Amino acid sequence: MEKTLLQYDAVINECHALFAQKAKDYGTAWRILRVPSLTDQIYIKAQRIRTLQQVGESKVGEGIRPELIGIINYAAMALVQLELGVAETVDIDATTASAKVLGQQRTAKDLMTRKNHDYGEAWRSMRVSSLVDLILMKLLRIKSIEDNQGNTLVSEGIDANFLDIVNYAVFAMIQLDEAS
């Protein structure tokens, strides 16, 4: 488990560093995005990964890894939007946004630690393609919940699904790192 925690932290550090750099470049304009818009953005990235896995080549020169980084960051941004609500204008600075996103990524890590204990690191025997399929399934669940105005009868909410997406994407990055 110690190895997993170190690998997880390395992935989150890489993702968060890119988020922080982009926040300096673009500010926090993303705060105006509604959660379904972030869901759709993550869906596009996950679908692109699936296409790359099936086709085996990229025509735009970017591979699977950058898309996974995007998924991790967008899912954390969606969790921030769920926490703070959608803004009508830019309402927080890059430093605050960066701290909020990192806080959500740490929440995902805490959840991973608990689940990893119970599941015995079963994800290590999974294929990256299966992890991507799970991300796509979670996104379809989120879309269904969003279409139902956030109401569920017995299921986890949108936030739990976004946390799982962060973790599946981190696991996929760890798998890719170990394979290279």
C-alpha atoms as a PDB file:
ATOM      1  CA  MET A   1       0.000   0.000   0.000  1.00  0.00           C
ATOM      2  CA  GLU A   2       2.919   2.360   0.668  1.00  0.00           C
ATOM      3  CA  LYS A   3       4.005   2.025  -2.967  1.00  0.00           C
ATOM      4  CA  THR A   4       0.482   2.902  -4.107  1.00  0.00           C
ATOM      5  CA  LEU A   5       0.385   6.004  -1.910  1.00  0.00           C
ATOM      6  CA  LEU A   6       3.705   7.230  -3.330  1.00  0.00           C
ATOM      7  CA  GLN A   7       2.587   6.550  -6.899  1.00  0.00           C
ATOM      8  CA  TYR A   8      -0.772   8.204  -6.260  1.00  0.00           C
ATOM      9  CA  ASP A   9       0.901  11.310  -4.852  1.00  0.00           C
ATOM     10  CA  ALA A  10       3.259  11.511  -7.840  1.00  0.00           C
ATOM     11  CA  VAL A  11       0.323  11.424 -10.265  1.00  0.00           C
ATOM     12  CA  ILE A  12      -1.649  14.027  -8.305  1.00  0.00           C
ATOM     13  CA  ASN A  13       1.411  16.267  -8.051  1.00  0.00           C
ATOM     14  CA  GLU A  14       1.830  16.131 -11.825  1.00  0.00           C
ATOM     15  CA  CYS A  15      -1.856  16.823 -12.457  1.00  0.00           C
ATOM     16  CA  HIS A  16      -2.057  19.597  -9.918  1.00  0.00           C
ATOM     17  CA  ALA A  17       1.097  21.290 -11.221  1.00  0.00           C
ATOM     18  CA  LEU A  18      -0.491  21.470 -14.679  1.00  0.00           C
ATOM     19  CA  PHE A  19      -3.741  22.779 -13.196  1.00  0.00           C
ATOM     20  CA  ALA A  20      -1.869  25.500 -11.313  1.00  0.00           C
ATOM     21  CA  GLN A  21       0.036  26.532 -14.440  1.00  0.00           C
ATOM     22  CA  LYS A  22      -3.156  26.701 -16.490  1.00  0.00           C
ATOM     23  CA  ALA A  23      -4.853  28.700 -13.716  1.00  0.00           C
ATOM     24  CA  LYS A  24      -2.071  31.260 -14.062  1.00  0.00           C
ATOM     25  CA  ASP A  25      -2.530  31.346 -17.843  1.00  0.00           C
ATOM     26  CA  TYR A  26      -6.337  31.293 -17.994  1.00  0.00           C
ATOM     27  CA  GLY A  27      -7.443  32.382 -14.554  1.00  0.00           C
ATOM     28  CA  THR A  28     -10.521  30.698 -13.146  1.00  0.00           C
ATOM     29  CA  ALA A  29     -12.915  31.209 -16.049  1.00  0.00           C
ATOM     30  CA  TRP A  30     -13.973  27.568 -15.573  1.00  0.00           C
ATOM     31  CA  ARG A  31     -15.962  28.664 -12.514  1.00  0.00           C
ATOM     32  CA  ILE A  32     -18.819  29.644 -14.854  1.00  0.00           C
ATOM     33  CA  LEU A  33     -19.146  26.078 -16.152  1.00  0.00           C
ATOM     34  CA  ARG A  34     -22.168  24.157 -14.992  1.00  0.00           C
ATOM     35  CA  VAL A  35     -21.450  20.646 -13.742  1.00  0.00           C
ATOM     36  CA  PRO A  36     -23.044  18.978 -16.811  1.00  0.00           C
ATOM     37  CA  SER A  37     -20.605  20.925 -19.008  1.00  0.00           C
ATOM     38  CA  LEU A  38     -17.698  19.499 -17.014  1.00  0.00           C
ATOM     39  CA  THR A  39     -19.281  16.044 -17.229  1.00  0.00           C
ATOM     40  CA  ASP A  40     -19.397  16.392 -21.003  1.00  0.00           C
ATOM     41  CA  GLN A  41     -15.779  17.580 -21.153  1.00  0.00           C
ATOM     42  CA  ILE A  42     -14.629  14.553 -19.157  1.00  0.00           C
ATOM     43  CA  TYR A  43     -16.764  12.300 -21.361  1.00  0.00           C
ATOM     44  CA  ILE A  44     -15.047  13.643 -24.490  1.00  0.00           C
ATOM     45  CA  LYS A  45     -11.632  12.926 -22.975  1.00  0.00           C
ATOM     46  CA  ALA A  46     -12.579   9.411 -21.873  1.00  0.00           C
ATOM     47  CA  GLN A  47     -14.150   8.646 -25.247  1.00  0.00           C
ATOM     48  CA  ARG A  48     -10.990   9.871 -26.981  1.00  0.00           C
ATOM     49  CA  ILE A  49      -8.906   7.500 -24.843  1.00  0.00           C
ATOM     50  CA  ARG A  50     -11.178   4.633 -25.794  1.00  0.00           C
ATOM     51  CA  THR A  51     -10.855   5.540 -29.474  1.00  0.00           C
ATOM     52  CA  LEU A  52      -7.055   5.730 -29.183  1.00  0.00           C
ATOM     53  CA  GLN A  53      -7.035   2.306 -27.521  1.00  0.00           C
ATOM     54  CA  GLN A  54      -9.152   0.814 -30.291  1.00  0.00           C
ATOM     55  CA  VAL A  55      -7.447   2.536 -33.246  1.00  0.00           C
ATOM     56  CA  GLY A  56      -3.925   2.442 -31.846  1.00  0.00           C
ATOM     57  CA  GLU A  57      -2.760   5.800 -33.171  1.00  0.00           C
ATOM     58  CA  SER A  58      -3.251   9.505 -32.583  1.00  0.00           C
ATOM     59  CA  LYS A  59      -3.578  11.960 -35.473  1.00  0.00           C
ATOM     60  CA  VAL A  60      -3.072  15.022 -33.235  1.00  0.00           C
ATOM     61  CA  GLY A  61       0.058  13.820 -31.477  1.00  0.00           C
ATOM     62  CA  GLU A  62      -1.321  13.574 -27.965  1.00  0.00           C
ATOM     63  CA  GLY A  63      -1.706  10.245 -26.285  1.00  0.00           C
ATOM     64  CA  ILE A  64      -3.689   8.734 -23.468  1.00  0.00           C
ATOM     65  CA  ARG A  65      -1.708  10.208 -20.581  1.00  0.00           C
ATOM     66  CA  PRO A  66      -2.612  13.888 -21.220  1.00  0.00           C
ATOM     67  CA  GLU A  67      -6.271  12.919 -21.473  1.00  0.00           C
ATOM     68  CA  LEU A  68      -6.100  11.129 -18.108  1.00  0.00           C
ATOM     69  CA  ILE A  69      -4.532  14.233 -16.560  1.00  0.00           C
ATOM     70  CA  GLY A  70      -7.402  16.256 -17.984  1.00  0.00           C
ATOM     71  CA  ILE A  71      -9.951  13.814 -16.564  1.00  0.00           C
ATOM     72  CA  ILE A  72      -8.403  14.024 -13.100  1.00  0.00           C
ATOM     73  CA  ASN A  73      -8.338  17.812 -13.136  1.00  0.00           C
ATOM     74  CA  TYR A  74     -11.803  18.282 -14.661  1.00  0.00           C
ATOM     75  CA  ALA A  75     -13.337  15.829 -12.181  1.00  0.00           C
ATOM     76  CA  ALA A  76     -11.758  17.759  -9.293  1.00  0.00           C
ATOM     77  CA  MET A  77     -13.066  20.994 -10.827  1.00  0.00           C
ATOM     78  CA  ALA A  78     -16.557  19.465 -11.004  1.00  0.00           C
ATOM     79  CA  LEU A  79     -16.299  18.578  -7.315  1.00  0.00           C
ATOM     80  CA  VAL A  80     -15.352  22.196  -6.571  1.00  0.00           C
ATOM     81  CA  GLN A  81     -18.390  23.338  -8.540  1.00  0.00           C
ATOM     82  CA  LEU A  82     -20.597  20.998  -6.513  1.00  0.00           C
ATOM     83  CA  GLU A  83     -19.068  22.397  -3.322  1.00  0.00           C
ATOM     84  CA  LEU A  84     -19.141  26.121  -4.167  1.00  0.00           C
ATOM     85  CA  GLY A  85     -21.895  26.284  -6.748  1.00  0.00           C
ATOM     86  CA  VAL A  86     -21.520  27.694 -10.226  1.00  0.00           C
ATOM     87  CA  ALA A  87     -20.338  31.306 -10.409  1.00  0.00           C
ATOM     88  CA  GLU A  88     -21.763  33.887 -12.799  1.00  0.00           C
ATOM     89  CA  THR A  89     -18.372  35.569 -13.072  1.00  0.00           C
ATOM     90  CA  VAL A  90     -14.822  34.779 -12.053  1.00  0.00           C
ATOM     91  CA  ASP A  91     -15.136  34.826  -8.279  1.00  0.00           C
ATOM     92  CA  ILE A  92     -11.947  33.242  -6.927  1.00  0.00           C
ATOM     93  CA  ASP A  93      -8.297  33.716  -7.749  1.00  0.00           C
ATOM     94  CA  ALA A  94      -5.946  31.085  -9.132  1.00  0.00           C
ATOM     95  CA  THR A  95      -4.384  30.376  -5.737  1.00  0.00           C
ATOM     96  CA  THR A  96      -7.760  29.737  -4.089  1.00  0.00           C
ATOM     97  CA  ALA A  97      -8.927  27.612  -7.017  1.00  0.00           C
ATOM     98  CA  SER A  98      -5.720  25.620  -6.915  1.00  0.00           C
ATOM     99  CA  ALA A  99      -6.164  24.934  -3.200  1.00  0.00           C
ATOM    100  CA  LYS A 100      -9.795  23.885  -3.726  1.00  0.00           C
ATOM    101  CA  VAL A 101      -8.901  21.502  -6.563  1.00  0.00           C
ATOM    102  CA  LEU A 102      -6.053  19.997  -4.545  1.00  0.00           C
ATOM    103  CA  GLY A 103      -8.442  19.559  -1.616  1.00  0.00           C
ATOM    104  CA  GLN A 104     -10.802  17.539  -3.818  1.00  0.00           C
ATOM    105  CA  GLN A 105      -7.919  15.463  -5.141  1.00  0.00           C
ATOM    106  CA  ARG A 106      -6.931  14.712  -1.551  1.00  0.00           C
ATOM    107  CA  THR A 107     -10.522  13.725  -0.757  1.00  0.00           C
ATOM    108  CA  ALA A 108     -10.320  11.268  -3.660  1.00  0.00           C
ATOM    109  CA  LYS A 109      -7.075   9.882  -2.247  1.00  0.00           C
ATOM    110  CA  ASP A 110      -8.677   9.385   1.170  1.00  0.00           C
ATOM    111  CA  LEU A 111     -11.522   7.463  -0.477  1.00  0.00           C
ATOM    112  CA  MET A 112      -9.032   5.404  -2.494  1.00  0.00           C
ATOM    113  CA  THR A 113      -7.139   4.500   0.671  1.00  0.00           C
ATOM    114  CA  ARG A 114     -10.302   3.183   2.326  1.00  0.00           C
ATOM    115  CA  LYS A 115     -11.502   1.296  -0.746  1.00  0.00           C
ATOM    116  CA  ASN A 116      -8.039  -0.047  -1.514  1.00  0.00           C
ATOM    117  CA  HIS A 117      -7.952  -1.572   1.962  1.00  0.00           C
ATOM    118  CA  ASP A 118     -11.255  -3.352   1.359  1.00  0.00           C
ATOM    119  CA  TYR A 119     -10.534  -4.424  -2.235  1.00  0.00           C
ATOM    120  CA  GLY A 120      -6.896  -5.399  -1.700  1.00  0.00           C
ATOM    121  CA  GLU A 121      -5.551  -3.361  -4.618  1.00  0.00           C
ATOM    122  CA  ALA A 122      -7.609  -5.353  -7.119  1.00  0.00           C
ATOM    123  CA  TRP A 123      -7.194  -2.478  -9.595  1.00  0.00           C
ATOM    124  CA  ARG A 124      -3.573  -3.552 -10.124  1.00  0.00           C
ATOM    125  CA  SER A 125      -4.789  -6.614 -12.039  1.00  0.00           C
ATOM    126  CA  MET A 126      -7.121  -4.576 -14.231  1.00  0.00           C
ATOM    127  CA  ARG A 127      -6.368  -3.378 -17.735  1.00  0.00           C
ATOM    128  CA  VAL A 128      -6.162   0.347 -18.517  1.00  0.00           C
ATOM    129  CA  SER A 129      -8.969  -0.235 -21.030  1.00  0.00           C
ATOM    130  CA  SER A 130     -11.196  -1.559 -18.236  1.00  0.00           C
ATOM    131  CA  LEU A 131     -10.431   1.468 -16.073  1.00  0.00           C
ATOM    132  CA  VAL A 132     -11.402   3.739 -18.980  1.00  0.00           C
ATOM    133  CA  ASP A 133     -14.620   1.772 -19.459  1.00  0.00           C
ATOM    134  CA  LEU A 134     -15.402   2.242 -15.762  1.00  0.00           C
ATOM    135  CA  ILE A 135     -14.823   5.997 -16.143  1.00  0.00           C
ATOM    136  CA  LEU A 136     -17.227   6.060 -19.090  1.00  0.00           C
ATOM    137  CA  MET A 137     -19.806   4.083 -17.109  1.00  0.00           C
ATOM    138  CA  LYS A 138     -19.510   6.507 -14.176  1.00  0.00           C
ATOM    139  CA  LEU A 139     -19.977   9.422 -16.586  1.00  0.00           C
ATOM    140  CA  LEU A 140     -23.133   7.877 -18.007  1.00  0.00           C
ATOM    141  CA  ARG A 141     -24.388   7.428 -14.442  1.00  0.00           C
ATOM    142  CA  ILE A 142     -23.612  11.071 -13.684  1.00  0.00           C
ATOM    143  CA  LYS A 143     -25.455  12.181 -16.835  1.00  0.00           C
ATOM    144  CA  SER A 144     -28.477  10.155 -15.772  1.00  0.00           C
ATOM    145  CA  ILE A 145     -28.431  11.698 -12.295  1.00  0.00           C
ATOM    146  CA  GLU A 146     -28.021  15.162 -13.808  1.00  0.00           C
ATOM    147  CA  ASP A 147     -30.978  14.517 -16.109  1.00  0.00           C
ATOM    148  CA  ASN A 148     -32.977  13.572 -12.984  1.00  0.00           C
ATOM    149  CA  GLN A 149     -32.070  16.922 -11.374  1.00  0.00           C
ATOM    150  CA  GLY A 150     -29.669  15.190  -8.988  1.00  0.00           C
ATOM    151  CA  ASN A 151     -32.266  12.856  -7.508  1.00  0.00           C
ATOM    152  CA  THR A 152     -31.441   9.212  -6.825  1.00  0.00           C
ATOM    153  CA  LEU A 153     -33.457   6.523  -5.096  1.00  0.00           C
ATOM    154  CA  VAL A 154     -30.725   4.263  -3.735  1.00  0.00           C
ATOM    155  CA  SER A 155     -27.569   5.216  -5.620  1.00  0.00           C
ATOM    156  CA  GLU A 156     -24.530   7.286  -4.748  1.00  0.00           C
ATOM    157  CA  GLY A 157     -24.652  10.904  -5.753  1.00  0.00           C
ATOM    158  CA  ILE A 158     -22.763  12.782  -8.425  1.00  0.00           C
ATOM    159  CA  ASP A 159     -19.906  13.623  -6.063  1.00  0.00           C
ATOM    160  CA  ALA A 160     -19.148   9.966  -5.277  1.00  0.00           C
ATOM    161  CA  ASN A 161     -18.993   9.179  -8.983  1.00  0.00           C
ATOM    162  CA  PHE A 162     -16.577  12.057  -9.673  1.00  0.00           C
ATOM    163  CA  LEU A 163     -14.352  10.853  -6.819  1.00  0.00           C
ATOM    164  CA  ASP A 164     -14.313   7.362  -8.342  1.00  0.00           C
ATOM    165  CA  ILE A 165     -13.427   8.865 -11.733  1.00  0.00           C
ATOM    166  CA  VAL A 166     -10.423  10.633 -10.214  1.00  0.00           C
ATOM    167  CA  ASN A 167      -9.271   7.364  -8.683  1.00  0.00           C
ATOM    168  CA  TYR A 168      -9.788   5.252 -11.813  1.00  0.00           C
ATOM    169  CA  ALA A 169      -7.839   7.811 -13.858  1.00  0.00           C
ATOM    170  CA  VAL A 170      -5.005   7.852 -11.304  1.00  0.00           C
ATOM    171  CA  PHE A 171      -4.921   4.044 -11.379  1.00  0.00           C
ATOM    172  CA  ALA A 172      -4.742   4.119 -15.182  1.00  0.00           C
ATOM    173  CA  MET A 173      -1.824   6.563 -15.052  1.00  0.00           C
ATOM    174  CA  ILE A 174      -0.010   4.365 -12.542  1.00  0.00           C
ATOM    175  CA  GLN A 175      -0.603   1.361 -14.827  1.00  0.00           C
ATOM    176  CA  LEU A 176       0.783   3.290 -17.818  1.00  0.00           C
ATOM    177  CA  ASP A 177       3.806   4.419 -15.816  1.00  0.00           C
ATOM    178  CA  GLU A 178       4.558   0.865 -14.711  1.00  0.00           C
ATOM    179  CA  ALA A 179       4.220  -0.434 -18.266  1.00  0.00           C
ATOM    180  CA  SER A 180       6.737   2.061 -19.674  1.00  0.00           C
END
